[in-house]
Amino acid sequence: MNAITTNFITIFNLMRAVLICSLLLLFICPIVRAESFLGLEPLEPLSSVKQRFSVGALTVEPAAWLKLNQHFTKMPHPEGGGTVFLLFEHDDEQRKKKLADLEKSVANLPSQAQGRSTKLLIRQYREKLSKSIDERLSLIRVRWLPDNPVRVSELITSYGKPDERREGNAVYGPVFIWSKGLNAHLSDDKKLALMIEYWFTEDDLAVYFLRRDSAAR
């Protein structure tokens, strides 16, 4: 299998995946979407968050568990309700590898023999990697530590019964999990939520990529 055929198959598979996601979003109901918190969007760049909440409001939060490609920051809740922690992540290494593979696949081909889609992908990877780190870091998780714990009964009223209940152990307390993208870390008696964590579901990410691809056309 030559390089052109390999690239064609790769691009075809990507297009097929996007089409499948589109059909699923159209015909599967209801879509499980994460609970929005402060209007934050899936994979929202750190640069966008800084513009919305001001750079001065964000403070880098050290954490021993952070990976090299992650950034953890905190800010006061805009409405004065505790502290919000934001976890960002970039995929530079994956992009660099994909870019290197694409460039290698067409390195010995004349320009006219290089597929338009391959050229487009190479250009997109280069453009993404050339952006500032604040633009490359994407939001993947939000944690809210309220000043006053939230009653679990209020969460159940708003979101229904949790889809999963995890018992506490020597390190962590009990946790209630909602599949729409919400975790509640509870007091030992399970009556109060001491911390609420928001994460983005696969449907959230599918909608994000579809919107991004539509805007790029």
N, C-alpha and C. Protein backbone atom coordinates (compact mmCIF):
# COMPACT_ATOMS: atom_id res chain seq x y z
N MET A 1 0.86 -1.20 0.00
CA MET A 1 0.00 0.00 0.00
C MET A 1 0.89 1.24 0.00
N ASN A 2 0.73 2.12 -1.02
CA ASN A 2 1.60 3.29 -1.10
C ASN A 2 1.11 4.41 -0.20
N ALA A 3 1.92 5.50 -0.12
CA ALA A 3 1.61 6.59 0.80
C ALA A 3 0.30 7.29 0.45
N ILE A 4 0.03 7.46 -0.84
CA ILE A 4 -1.19 8.16 -1.27
C ILE A 4 -2.43 7.37 -0.84
N THR A 5 -2.36 6.05 -1.06
CA THR A 5 -3.50 5.19 -0.67
C THR A 5 -3.72 5.22 0.84
N THR A 6 -2.61 5.17 1.59
CA THR A 6 -2.71 5.21 3.06
C THR A 6 -3.35 6.50 3.54
N ASN A 7 -2.92 7.63 2.96
CA ASN A 7 -3.48 8.93 3.34
C ASN A 7 -4.97 9.01 3.00
N PHE A 8 -5.32 8.45 1.83
CA PHE A 8 -6.72 8.49 1.42
C PHE A 8 -7.59 7.72 2.41
N ILE A 9 -7.11 6.55 2.82
CA ILE A 9 -7.88 5.73 3.76
C ILE A 9 -8.04 6.44 5.09
N THR A 10 -6.94 7.08 5.56
CA THR A 10 -6.99 7.82 6.83
C THR A 10 -8.00 8.94 6.77
N ILE A 11 -7.96 9.73 5.70
CA ILE A 11 -8.88 10.87 5.54
C ILE A 11 -10.32 10.38 5.41
N PHE A 12 -10.50 9.26 4.66
CA PHE A 12 -11.85 8.71 4.50
C PHE A 12 -12.43 8.28 5.84
N ASN A 13 -11.60 7.63 6.66
CA ASN A 13 -12.07 7.20 7.99
C ASN A 13 -12.45 8.38 8.86
N LEU A 14 -11.68 9.49 8.78
CA LEU A 14 -12.01 10.68 9.56
C LEU A 14 -13.35 11.25 9.11
N MET A 15 -13.55 11.34 7.79
CA MET A 15 -14.82 11.87 7.25
C MET A 15 -15.98 10.97 7.65
N ARG A 16 -15.76 9.65 7.62
CA ARG A 16 -16.83 8.72 8.00
C ARG A 16 -17.19 8.89 9.47
N ALA A 17 -16.16 9.11 10.33
CA ALA A 17 -16.43 9.29 11.76
C ALA A 17 -17.27 10.53 12.00
N VAL A 18 -16.94 11.62 11.29
CA VAL A 18 -17.72 12.85 11.43
C VAL A 18 -19.15 12.65 10.99
N LEU A 19 -19.35 11.90 9.88
CA LEU A 19 -20.69 11.64 9.37
C LEU A 19 -21.49 10.81 10.36
N ILE A 20 -20.85 9.80 10.95
CA ILE A 20 -21.54 8.95 11.93
C ILE A 20 -21.98 9.77 13.13
N CYS A 21 -21.08 10.66 13.60
CA CYS A 21 -21.43 11.52 14.74
C CYS A 21 -22.61 12.41 14.39
N SER A 22 -22.63 12.92 13.17
CA SER A 22 -23.73 13.79 12.74
C SER A 22 -25.06 13.04 12.76
N LEU A 23 -25.05 11.81 12.24
CA LEU A 23 -26.27 11.02 12.22
C LEU A 23 -26.74 10.67 13.63
N LEU A 24 -25.78 10.34 14.49
CA LEU A 24 -26.15 10.04 15.87
C LEU A 24 -26.80 11.23 16.56
N LEU A 25 -26.24 12.42 16.33
CA LEU A 25 -26.79 13.61 16.96
C LEU A 25 -28.18 13.93 16.43
N LEU A 26 -28.43 13.55 15.18
CA LEU A 26 -29.73 13.84 14.58
C LEU A 26 -30.81 12.87 15.04
N PHE A 27 -30.44 11.59 15.20
CA PHE A 27 -31.45 10.56 15.40
C PHE A 27 -31.50 9.96 16.79
N ILE A 28 -30.48 10.17 17.62
CA ILE A 28 -30.54 9.63 18.98
C ILE A 28 -31.07 10.69 19.92
N CYS A 29 -32.07 10.39 20.67
CA CYS A 29 -32.70 11.36 21.56
C CYS A 29 -33.05 10.66 22.86
N PRO A 30 -32.82 11.28 24.02
CA PRO A 30 -32.20 12.58 24.15
C PRO A 30 -30.68 12.50 24.14
N ILE A 31 -30.01 13.58 23.77
CA ILE A 31 -28.56 13.64 23.83
C ILE A 31 -28.14 13.93 25.26
N VAL A 32 -27.17 13.19 25.75
CA VAL A 32 -26.69 13.41 27.11
C VAL A 32 -25.66 14.53 27.08
N ARG A 33 -26.00 15.69 27.58
CA ARG A 33 -25.12 16.84 27.58
C ARG A 33 -24.70 17.16 29.00
N ALA A 34 -23.47 17.63 29.15
CA ALA A 34 -22.99 18.00 30.47
C ALA A 34 -23.72 19.23 30.98
N GLU A 35 -23.84 19.31 32.29
CA GLU A 35 -24.45 20.48 32.89
C GLU A 35 -23.50 21.67 32.71
N SER A 36 -24.02 22.75 32.15
CA SER A 36 -23.20 23.94 31.94
C SER A 36 -22.95 24.63 33.28
N PHE A 37 -21.75 25.13 33.45
CA PHE A 37 -21.39 25.83 34.68
C PHE A 37 -20.67 27.11 34.29
N LEU A 38 -21.25 28.25 34.64
CA LEU A 38 -20.70 29.56 34.33
C LEU A 38 -20.56 29.78 32.82
N GLY A 39 -21.31 29.01 32.04
CA GLY A 39 -21.25 29.17 30.59
C GLY A 39 -19.98 28.65 29.95
N LEU A 40 -19.20 27.88 30.69
CA LEU A 40 -17.95 27.33 30.16
C LEU A 40 -18.24 26.25 29.12
N GLU A 41 -17.47 26.27 28.03
CA GLU A 41 -17.70 25.37 26.92
C GLU A 41 -16.67 24.23 26.90
N PRO A 42 -17.03 23.09 26.30
CA PRO A 42 -16.06 21.99 26.17
C PRO A 42 -14.83 22.45 25.40
N LEU A 43 -13.66 22.13 25.91
CA LEU A 43 -12.38 22.44 25.26
C LEU A 43 -12.18 23.93 25.01
N GLU A 44 -12.83 24.75 25.82
CA GLU A 44 -12.65 26.19 25.66
C GLU A 44 -11.19 26.57 25.97
N PRO A 45 -10.56 27.36 25.11
CA PRO A 45 -9.15 27.73 25.33
C PRO A 45 -8.98 28.57 26.59
N LEU A 46 -7.83 28.43 27.21
CA LEU A 46 -7.51 29.24 28.39
C LEU A 46 -7.56 30.72 28.04
N SER A 47 -7.16 31.08 26.83
CA SER A 47 -7.19 32.48 26.40
C SER A 47 -8.60 33.04 26.44
N SER A 48 -9.59 32.23 26.05
CA SER A 48 -10.98 32.66 26.08
C SER A 48 -11.48 32.84 27.50
N VAL A 49 -11.10 31.90 28.38
CA VAL A 49 -11.52 31.99 29.79
C VAL A 49 -10.92 33.25 30.43
N LYS A 50 -9.67 33.55 30.11
CA LYS A 50 -9.03 34.74 30.67
C LYS A 50 -9.73 36.02 30.20
N GLN A 51 -10.18 36.04 28.97
CA GLN A 51 -10.89 37.21 28.45
C GLN A 51 -12.23 37.39 29.15
N ARG A 52 -12.90 36.28 29.43
CA ARG A 52 -14.23 36.36 30.01
C ARG A 52 -14.20 36.71 31.50
N PHE A 53 -13.24 36.14 32.23
CA PHE A 53 -13.23 36.34 33.67
C PHE A 53 -12.08 37.22 34.15
N SER A 54 -11.27 37.72 33.22
CA SER A 54 -10.12 38.58 33.48
C SER A 54 -8.93 37.77 33.98
N VAL A 55 -7.75 38.16 33.48
CA VAL A 55 -6.53 37.44 33.81
C VAL A 55 -6.26 37.48 35.32
N GLY A 56 -6.53 38.64 35.94
CA GLY A 56 -6.25 38.80 37.36
C GLY A 56 -7.05 37.88 38.26
N ALA A 57 -8.18 37.38 37.76
CA ALA A 57 -9.03 36.51 38.58
C ALA A 57 -8.49 35.09 38.67
N LEU A 58 -7.63 34.72 37.72
CA LEU A 58 -7.12 33.34 37.66
C LEU A 58 -5.77 33.23 38.35
N THR A 59 -5.62 32.20 39.15
CA THR A 59 -4.38 31.95 39.87
C THR A 59 -3.94 30.52 39.62
N VAL A 60 -2.68 30.33 39.23
CA VAL A 60 -2.17 28.97 38.99
C VAL A 60 -2.19 28.19 40.30
N GLU A 61 -2.71 26.98 40.24
CA GLU A 61 -2.82 26.13 41.43
C GLU A 61 -1.88 24.93 41.28
N PRO A 62 -0.81 24.86 42.08
CA PRO A 62 0.10 23.72 41.99
C PRO A 62 -0.61 22.42 42.40
N ALA A 63 -0.30 21.34 41.73
CA ALA A 63 -0.87 20.03 42.08
C ALA A 63 0.11 18.94 41.67
N ALA A 64 0.42 18.05 42.60
CA ALA A 64 1.42 17.01 42.34
C ALA A 64 0.96 16.02 41.27
N TRP A 65 -0.35 15.90 41.08
CA TRP A 65 -0.87 14.92 40.14
C TRP A 65 -0.93 15.41 38.69
N LEU A 66 -0.59 16.67 38.46
CA LEU A 66 -0.68 17.22 37.11
C LEU A 66 0.27 16.53 36.15
N LYS A 67 -0.19 16.30 34.93
CA LYS A 67 0.67 15.79 33.86
C LYS A 67 1.40 16.97 33.21
N LEU A 68 2.42 16.66 32.44
CA LEU A 68 3.24 17.71 31.83
C LEU A 68 2.43 18.56 30.85
N ASN A 69 1.38 18.00 30.28
CA ASN A 69 0.59 18.75 29.30
C ASN A 69 -0.66 19.38 29.92
N GLN A 70 -0.71 19.48 31.26
CA GLN A 70 -1.90 20.02 31.92
C GLN A 70 -1.57 21.31 32.68
N HIS A 71 -2.63 22.09 32.87
CA HIS A 71 -2.52 23.37 33.57
C HIS A 71 -3.73 23.49 34.50
N PHE A 72 -3.48 23.76 35.77
CA PHE A 72 -4.55 23.81 36.77
C PHE A 72 -4.58 25.22 37.36
N THR A 73 -5.75 25.82 37.35
CA THR A 73 -5.87 27.19 37.85
C THR A 73 -7.17 27.34 38.64
N LYS A 74 -7.24 28.38 39.44
CA LYS A 74 -8.44 28.61 40.23
C LYS A 74 -8.83 30.08 40.16
N MET A 75 -10.08 30.34 40.51
CA MET A 75 -10.58 31.71 40.56
C MET A 75 -11.76 31.77 41.52
N PRO A 76 -12.04 32.94 42.07
CA PRO A 76 -13.23 33.08 42.91
C PRO A 76 -14.48 32.90 42.05
N HIS A 77 -15.49 32.28 42.61
CA HIS A 77 -16.76 32.18 41.88
C HIS A 77 -17.24 33.60 41.58
N PRO A 78 -17.60 33.90 40.32
CA PRO A 78 -18.00 35.27 39.94
C PRO A 78 -19.14 35.84 40.78
N GLU A 79 -19.96 34.97 41.33
CA GLU A 79 -21.09 35.44 42.13
C GLU A 79 -20.81 35.32 43.62
N GLY A 80 -19.55 35.12 43.97
CA GLY A 80 -19.17 35.08 45.38
C GLY A 80 -19.53 33.81 46.10
N GLY A 81 -19.61 32.71 45.37
CA GLY A 81 -20.04 31.46 45.99
C GLY A 81 -18.94 30.43 46.11
N GLY A 82 -17.76 30.80 46.55
CA GLY A 82 -16.70 29.83 46.74
C GLY A 82 -15.60 29.96 45.70
N THR A 83 -14.91 28.83 45.42
CA THR A 83 -13.77 28.82 44.52
C THR A 83 -14.01 27.83 43.38
N VAL A 84 -13.62 28.24 42.18
CA VAL A 84 -13.76 27.40 40.98
C VAL A 84 -12.38 26.98 40.51
N PHE A 85 -12.18 25.68 40.30
CA PHE A 85 -10.91 25.15 39.81
C PHE A 85 -11.10 24.68 38.37
N LEU A 86 -10.15 25.03 37.51
CA LEU A 86 -10.26 24.71 36.09
C LEU A 86 -9.04 23.90 35.64
N LEU A 87 -9.29 22.77 35.00
CA LEU A 87 -8.21 21.93 34.50
C LEU A 87 -8.17 22.01 32.98
N PHE A 88 -7.00 22.41 32.47
CA PHE A 88 -6.78 22.53 31.03
C PHE A 88 -5.74 21.51 30.59
N GLU A 89 -5.77 21.21 29.28
CA GLU A 89 -4.83 20.22 28.76
C GLU A 89 -4.54 20.53 27.28
N HIS A 90 -3.32 20.31 26.84
CA HIS A 90 -3.00 20.45 25.42
C HIS A 90 -2.55 19.10 24.87
N ASP A 91 -2.62 18.95 23.56
CA ASP A 91 -2.22 17.69 22.92
C ASP A 91 -1.09 17.92 21.93
N ASP A 92 -0.15 18.77 22.30
CA ASP A 92 0.96 19.13 21.41
C ASP A 92 1.73 17.91 20.92
N GLU A 93 2.04 16.99 21.81
CA GLU A 93 2.87 15.84 21.42
C GLU A 93 2.15 14.98 20.38
N GLN A 94 0.85 14.77 20.56
CA GLN A 94 0.09 14.00 19.59
C GLN A 94 0.05 14.71 18.24
N ARG A 95 -0.16 16.03 18.28
CA ARG A 95 -0.19 16.81 17.04
C ARG A 95 1.16 16.78 16.33
N LYS A 96 2.23 16.90 17.10
CA LYS A 96 3.57 16.87 16.51
C LYS A 96 3.84 15.53 15.82
N LYS A 97 3.41 14.45 16.48
CA LYS A 97 3.61 13.11 15.89
C LYS A 97 2.80 12.96 14.61
N LYS A 98 1.54 13.38 14.64
CA LYS A 98 0.70 13.27 13.44
C LYS A 98 1.24 14.14 12.32
N LEU A 99 1.72 15.33 12.67
CA LEU A 99 2.29 16.22 11.67
C LEU A 99 3.54 15.60 11.05
N ALA A 100 4.39 15.03 11.89
CA ALA A 100 5.62 14.40 11.39
C ALA A 100 5.29 13.23 10.47
N ASP A 101 4.27 12.44 10.83
CA ASP A 101 3.87 11.30 9.98
C ASP A 101 3.34 11.77 8.64
N LEU A 102 2.54 12.82 8.66
CA LEU A 102 2.00 13.35 7.40
C LEU A 102 3.10 13.92 6.52
N GLU A 103 3.99 14.68 7.12
CA GLU A 103 5.08 15.28 6.35
C GLU A 103 5.99 14.19 5.76
N LYS A 104 6.21 13.13 6.53
CA LYS A 104 7.03 12.03 6.05
C LYS A 104 6.37 11.31 4.88
N SER A 105 5.05 11.19 4.95
CA SER A 105 4.32 10.45 3.91
C SER A 105 4.36 11.15 2.56
N VAL A 106 4.56 12.46 2.55
CA VAL A 106 4.58 13.20 1.28
C VAL A 106 5.94 13.81 0.97
N ALA A 107 6.94 13.47 1.80
CA ALA A 107 8.26 14.09 1.66
C ALA A 107 8.87 13.85 0.28
N ASN A 108 8.65 12.66 -0.29
CA ASN A 108 9.26 12.32 -1.58
C ASN A 108 8.32 12.49 -2.76
N LEU A 109 7.20 13.12 -2.51
CA LEU A 109 6.22 13.33 -3.59
C LEU A 109 6.29 14.76 -4.11
N PRO A 110 6.16 14.94 -5.41
CA PRO A 110 6.09 16.32 -5.94
C PRO A 110 4.83 17.01 -5.45
N SER A 111 4.84 18.30 -5.40
CA SER A 111 3.72 19.06 -4.84
C SER A 111 2.40 18.70 -5.49
N GLN A 112 2.40 18.52 -6.81
CA GLN A 112 1.14 18.24 -7.53
C GLN A 112 0.59 16.85 -7.21
N ALA A 113 1.43 15.99 -6.65
CA ALA A 113 0.98 14.63 -6.32
C ALA A 113 0.48 14.52 -4.89
N GLN A 114 0.65 15.57 -4.11
CA GLN A 114 0.19 15.57 -2.72
C GLN A 114 -1.29 15.92 -2.67
N GLY A 115 -2.06 15.11 -1.97
CA GLY A 115 -3.50 15.33 -1.89
C GLY A 115 -3.85 16.65 -1.22
N ARG A 116 -4.95 17.26 -1.64
CA ARG A 116 -5.39 18.53 -1.05
C ARG A 116 -5.73 18.37 0.41
N SER A 117 -6.36 17.23 0.74
CA SER A 117 -6.75 17.00 2.13
C SER A 117 -5.52 16.85 3.02
N THR A 118 -4.49 16.18 2.51
CA THR A 118 -3.26 16.02 3.28
C THR A 118 -2.60 17.37 3.51
N LYS A 119 -2.55 18.19 2.48
CA LYS A 119 -1.98 19.54 2.62
C LYS A 119 -2.75 20.36 3.64
N LEU A 120 -4.08 20.20 3.62
CA LEU A 120 -4.92 20.95 4.56
C LEU A 120 -4.64 20.51 5.99
N LEU A 121 -4.53 19.20 6.22
CA LEU A 121 -4.24 18.70 7.56
C LEU A 121 -2.88 19.18 8.06
N ILE A 122 -1.89 19.16 7.18
CA ILE A 122 -0.56 19.63 7.56
C ILE A 122 -0.61 21.10 7.95
N ARG A 123 -1.33 21.88 7.16
CA ARG A 123 -1.45 23.32 7.46
C ARG A 123 -2.16 23.55 8.78
N GLN A 124 -3.23 22.77 9.04
CA GLN A 124 -3.98 22.93 10.29
C GLN A 124 -3.13 22.57 11.50
N TYR A 125 -2.37 21.48 11.41
CA TYR A 125 -1.50 21.08 12.52
C TYR A 125 -0.45 22.15 12.78
N ARG A 126 0.13 22.69 11.73
CA ARG A 126 1.16 23.72 11.89
C ARG A 126 0.57 24.98 12.52
N GLU A 127 -0.61 25.36 12.07
CA GLU A 127 -1.25 26.56 12.61
C GLU A 127 -1.58 26.39 14.08
N LYS A 128 -2.08 25.21 14.44
CA LYS A 128 -2.44 24.96 15.85
C LYS A 128 -1.20 25.01 16.73
N LEU A 129 -0.12 24.39 16.29
CA LEU A 129 1.10 24.34 17.09
C LEU A 129 1.79 25.69 17.17
N SER A 130 1.50 26.57 16.24
CA SER A 130 2.13 27.90 16.25
C SER A 130 1.41 28.89 17.16
N LYS A 131 0.24 28.49 17.67
CA LYS A 131 -0.52 29.38 18.54
C LYS A 131 0.12 29.47 19.92
N SER A 132 -0.27 30.48 20.68
CA SER A 132 0.25 30.64 22.04
C SER A 132 -0.23 29.50 22.92
N ILE A 133 0.48 29.27 24.03
CA ILE A 133 0.11 28.18 24.92
C ILE A 133 -1.29 28.39 25.49
N ASP A 134 -1.70 29.63 25.72
CA ASP A 134 -3.05 29.88 26.24
C ASP A 134 -4.11 29.48 25.23
N GLU A 135 -3.78 29.55 23.95
CA GLU A 135 -4.74 29.14 22.92
C GLU A 135 -4.74 27.64 22.71
N ARG A 136 -3.63 26.98 23.06
CA ARG A 136 -3.53 25.53 22.87
C ARG A 136 -4.08 24.75 24.05
N LEU A 137 -4.12 25.37 25.23
CA LEU A 137 -4.66 24.70 26.40
C LEU A 137 -6.19 24.70 26.36
N SER A 138 -6.79 23.52 26.48
CA SER A 138 -8.25 23.39 26.36
C SER A 138 -8.86 22.91 27.67
N LEU A 139 -10.00 23.46 28.02
CA LEU A 139 -10.68 23.12 29.26
C LEU A 139 -11.26 21.71 29.19
N ILE A 140 -10.95 20.88 30.19
CA ILE A 140 -11.47 19.50 30.20
C ILE A 140 -12.27 19.17 31.46
N ARG A 141 -12.11 19.98 32.54
CA ARG A 141 -12.85 19.67 33.77
C ARG A 141 -12.96 20.91 34.65
N VAL A 142 -14.08 21.01 35.36
CA VAL A 142 -14.35 22.15 36.23
C VAL A 142 -14.74 21.63 37.61
N ARG A 143 -14.17 22.22 38.65
CA ARG A 143 -14.52 21.85 40.02
C ARG A 143 -14.97 23.10 40.78
N TRP A 144 -16.05 22.95 41.50
CA TRP A 144 -16.57 24.06 42.29
C TRP A 144 -16.57 23.68 43.76
N LEU A 145 -15.85 24.45 44.54
CA LEU A 145 -15.81 24.25 45.99
C LEU A 145 -16.61 25.38 46.63
N PRO A 146 -17.90 25.15 46.90
CA PRO A 146 -18.75 26.23 47.42
C PRO A 146 -18.41 26.59 48.86
N ASP A 147 -18.63 27.85 49.20
CA ASP A 147 -18.42 28.26 50.59
C ASP A 147 -19.38 27.52 51.52
N ASN A 148 -20.60 27.37 51.05
CA ASN A 148 -21.61 26.65 51.82
C ASN A 148 -22.01 25.39 51.06
N PRO A 149 -21.81 24.21 51.65
CA PRO A 149 -22.15 22.96 50.96
C PRO A 149 -23.57 22.96 50.41
N VAL A 150 -23.74 22.30 49.28
CA VAL A 150 -25.05 22.22 48.63
C VAL A 150 -25.77 20.96 49.11
N ARG A 151 -27.04 21.10 49.41
CA ARG A 151 -27.81 19.94 49.85
C ARG A 151 -27.97 18.94 48.69
N VAL A 152 -27.74 17.69 48.97
CA VAL A 152 -27.86 16.65 47.96
C VAL A 152 -29.30 16.59 47.44
N SER A 153 -30.25 16.86 48.29
CA SER A 153 -31.66 16.85 47.87
C SER A 153 -31.91 17.87 46.77
N GLU A 154 -31.20 19.01 46.81
CA GLU A 154 -31.34 20.03 45.78
C GLU A 154 -30.77 19.54 44.45
N LEU A 155 -29.66 18.82 44.50
CA LEU A 155 -29.07 18.27 43.28
C LEU A 155 -30.00 17.24 42.65
N ILE A 156 -30.61 16.40 43.49
CA ILE A 156 -31.51 15.38 42.98
C ILE A 156 -32.76 16.03 42.37
N THR A 157 -33.23 17.10 42.97
CA THR A 157 -34.37 17.83 42.41
C THR A 157 -34.03 18.39 41.04
N SER A 158 -32.80 18.89 40.88
CA SER A 158 -32.38 19.52 39.62
C SER A 158 -32.00 18.51 38.55
N TYR A 159 -31.32 17.43 38.93
CA TYR A 159 -30.75 16.52 37.94
C TYR A 159 -31.31 15.10 37.98
N GLY A 160 -32.21 14.82 38.93
CA GLY A 160 -32.72 13.47 39.05
C GLY A 160 -31.81 12.62 39.93
N LYS A 161 -32.15 11.37 40.07
CA LYS A 161 -31.35 10.48 40.90
C LYS A 161 -30.00 10.22 40.23
N PRO A 162 -28.93 10.10 41.01
CA PRO A 162 -27.61 9.84 40.41
C PRO A 162 -27.58 8.49 39.70
N ASP A 163 -26.76 8.42 38.65
CA ASP A 163 -26.63 7.18 37.89
C ASP A 163 -25.68 6.20 38.55
N GLU A 164 -24.82 6.70 39.42
CA GLU A 164 -23.87 5.84 40.12
C GLU A 164 -23.60 6.42 41.50
N ARG A 165 -23.45 5.53 42.48
CA ARG A 165 -23.14 5.94 43.85
C ARG A 165 -21.90 5.18 44.31
N ARG A 166 -20.86 5.93 44.67
CA ARG A 166 -19.63 5.31 45.14
C ARG A 166 -19.46 5.57 46.63
N GLU A 167 -19.18 4.51 47.34
CA GLU A 167 -18.99 4.63 48.78
C GLU A 167 -17.61 5.24 49.08
N GLY A 168 -17.50 5.87 50.23
CA GLY A 168 -16.24 6.47 50.63
C GLY A 168 -15.24 5.42 51.09
N ASN A 169 -13.97 5.85 51.15
CA ASN A 169 -12.92 4.97 51.67
C ASN A 169 -12.01 5.78 52.59
N ALA A 170 -10.85 5.27 52.87
CA ALA A 170 -9.94 5.95 53.81
C ALA A 170 -9.42 7.27 53.27
N VAL A 171 -9.49 7.42 51.94
CA VAL A 171 -8.95 8.64 51.31
C VAL A 171 -10.06 9.59 50.86
N TYR A 172 -11.06 9.03 50.20
CA TYR A 172 -12.12 9.86 49.63
C TYR A 172 -13.46 9.57 50.28
N GLY A 173 -14.30 10.60 50.32
CA GLY A 173 -15.65 10.43 50.82
C GLY A 173 -16.54 9.88 49.73
N PRO A 174 -17.81 9.66 50.03
CA PRO A 174 -18.75 9.13 49.03
C PRO A 174 -18.96 10.12 47.88
N VAL A 175 -19.27 9.56 46.71
CA VAL A 175 -19.46 10.37 45.51
C VAL A 175 -20.71 9.91 44.79
N PHE A 176 -21.54 10.87 44.37
CA PHE A 176 -22.68 10.59 43.50
C PHE A 176 -22.31 11.08 42.10
N ILE A 177 -22.64 10.27 41.08
CA ILE A 177 -22.26 10.59 39.71
C ILE A 177 -23.49 10.61 38.82
N TRP A 178 -23.62 11.67 38.04
CA TRP A 178 -24.67 11.80 37.03
C TRP A 178 -24.01 11.69 35.65
N SER A 179 -24.57 10.86 34.77
CA SER A 179 -23.96 10.61 33.46
C SER A 179 -23.98 11.83 32.55
N LYS A 180 -24.76 12.84 32.89
CA LYS A 180 -24.79 14.06 32.09
C LYS A 180 -23.57 14.94 32.33
N GLY A 181 -22.66 14.50 33.19
CA GLY A 181 -21.41 15.23 33.39
C GLY A 181 -21.30 15.95 34.71
N LEU A 182 -21.73 15.27 35.78
CA LEU A 182 -21.74 15.92 37.09
C LEU A 182 -21.36 14.91 38.17
N ASN A 183 -20.37 15.25 39.00
CA ASN A 183 -20.00 14.45 40.16
C ASN A 183 -20.18 15.30 41.41
N ALA A 184 -20.71 14.72 42.46
CA ALA A 184 -20.85 15.42 43.73
C ALA A 184 -20.08 14.67 44.80
N HIS A 185 -19.09 15.32 45.39
CA HIS A 185 -18.30 14.74 46.47
C HIS A 185 -18.98 15.09 47.79
N LEU A 186 -19.37 14.09 48.54
CA LEU A 186 -20.32 14.27 49.63
C LEU A 186 -19.69 14.19 51.02
N SER A 187 -20.48 14.68 51.97
CA SER A 187 -20.14 14.50 53.39
C SER A 187 -20.38 13.04 53.74
N ASP A 188 -19.88 12.61 54.87
CA ASP A 188 -19.99 11.19 55.25
C ASP A 188 -21.44 10.73 55.36
N ASP A 189 -22.34 11.64 55.74
CA ASP A 189 -23.75 11.25 55.86
C ASP A 189 -24.51 11.37 54.54
N LYS A 190 -23.80 11.80 53.47
CA LYS A 190 -24.37 11.88 52.11
C LYS A 190 -25.51 12.89 51.99
N LYS A 191 -25.55 13.84 52.88
CA LYS A 191 -26.60 14.85 52.81
C LYS A 191 -26.14 16.15 52.18
N LEU A 192 -24.82 16.37 52.14
CA LEU A 192 -24.28 17.63 51.63
C LEU A 192 -23.21 17.35 50.57
N ALA A 193 -23.20 18.18 49.52
CA ALA A 193 -22.16 18.12 48.50
C ALA A 193 -21.09 19.15 48.86
N LEU A 194 -19.90 18.66 49.19
CA LEU A 194 -18.81 19.54 49.59
C LEU A 194 -18.07 20.11 48.38
N MET A 195 -18.06 19.34 47.29
CA MET A 195 -17.46 19.80 46.04
C MET A 195 -18.25 19.22 44.88
N ILE A 196 -18.45 20.01 43.84
CA ILE A 196 -19.17 19.56 42.65
C ILE A 196 -18.22 19.66 41.46
N GLU A 197 -18.16 18.59 40.71
CA GLU A 197 -17.24 18.51 39.58
C GLU A 197 -18.05 18.37 38.29
N TYR A 198 -17.69 19.18 37.30
CA TYR A 198 -18.36 19.15 36.00
C TYR A 198 -17.37 18.64 34.96
N TRP A 199 -17.80 17.68 34.14
CA TRP A 199 -16.96 17.16 33.08
C TRP A 199 -17.78 17.06 31.80
N PHE A 200 -17.10 16.95 30.68
CA PHE A 200 -17.78 16.99 29.39
C PHE A 200 -17.99 15.58 28.85
N THR A 201 -19.23 15.31 28.44
CA THR A 201 -19.59 13.99 27.93
C THR A 201 -19.13 13.83 26.48
N GLU A 202 -19.22 12.61 25.97
CA GLU A 202 -18.86 12.35 24.58
C GLU A 202 -19.76 13.14 23.64
N ASP A 203 -21.02 13.32 24.02
CA ASP A 203 -21.93 14.10 23.18
C ASP A 203 -21.53 15.57 23.15
N ASP A 204 -21.09 16.10 24.28
CA ASP A 204 -20.60 17.47 24.31
C ASP A 204 -19.44 17.65 23.33
N LEU A 205 -18.51 16.71 23.37
CA LEU A 205 -17.34 16.80 22.51
C LEU A 205 -17.71 16.62 21.04
N ALA A 206 -18.67 15.72 20.76
CA ALA A 206 -19.12 15.52 19.38
C ALA A 206 -19.73 16.81 18.82
N VAL A 207 -20.57 17.47 19.64
CA VAL A 207 -21.18 18.73 19.21
C VAL A 207 -20.11 19.79 18.98
N TYR A 208 -19.13 19.83 19.88
CA TYR A 208 -18.04 20.81 19.73
C TYR A 208 -17.31 20.61 18.41
N PHE A 209 -16.93 19.36 18.08
CA PHE A 209 -16.16 19.12 16.86
C PHE A 209 -17.00 19.39 15.62
N LEU A 210 -18.30 19.07 15.68
CA LEU A 210 -19.16 19.35 14.53
C LEU A 210 -19.28 20.85 14.30
N ARG A 211 -19.44 21.61 15.36
CA ARG A 211 -19.52 23.07 15.23
C ARG A 211 -18.22 23.65 14.70
N ARG A 212 -17.10 23.13 15.22
CA ARG A 212 -15.79 23.61 14.78
C ARG A 212 -15.56 23.33 13.31
N ASP A 213 -15.91 22.10 12.89
CA ASP A 213 -15.71 21.73 11.48
C ASP A 213 -16.62 22.53 10.57
N SER A 214 -17.85 22.81 11.04
CA SER A 214 -18.78 23.61 10.23
C SER A 214 -18.27 25.02 10.07
N ALA A 215 -17.72 25.58 11.15
CA ALA A 215 -17.21 26.95 11.09
C ALA A 215 -15.98 27.05 10.21
N ALA A 216 -15.23 25.95 10.09
CA ALA A 216 -14.01 25.97 9.29
C ALA A 216 -14.28 25.89 7.81
N ARG A 217 -15.48 25.44 7.45
CA ARG A 217 -15.81 25.29 6.02
C ARG A 217 -16.08 26.65 5.37
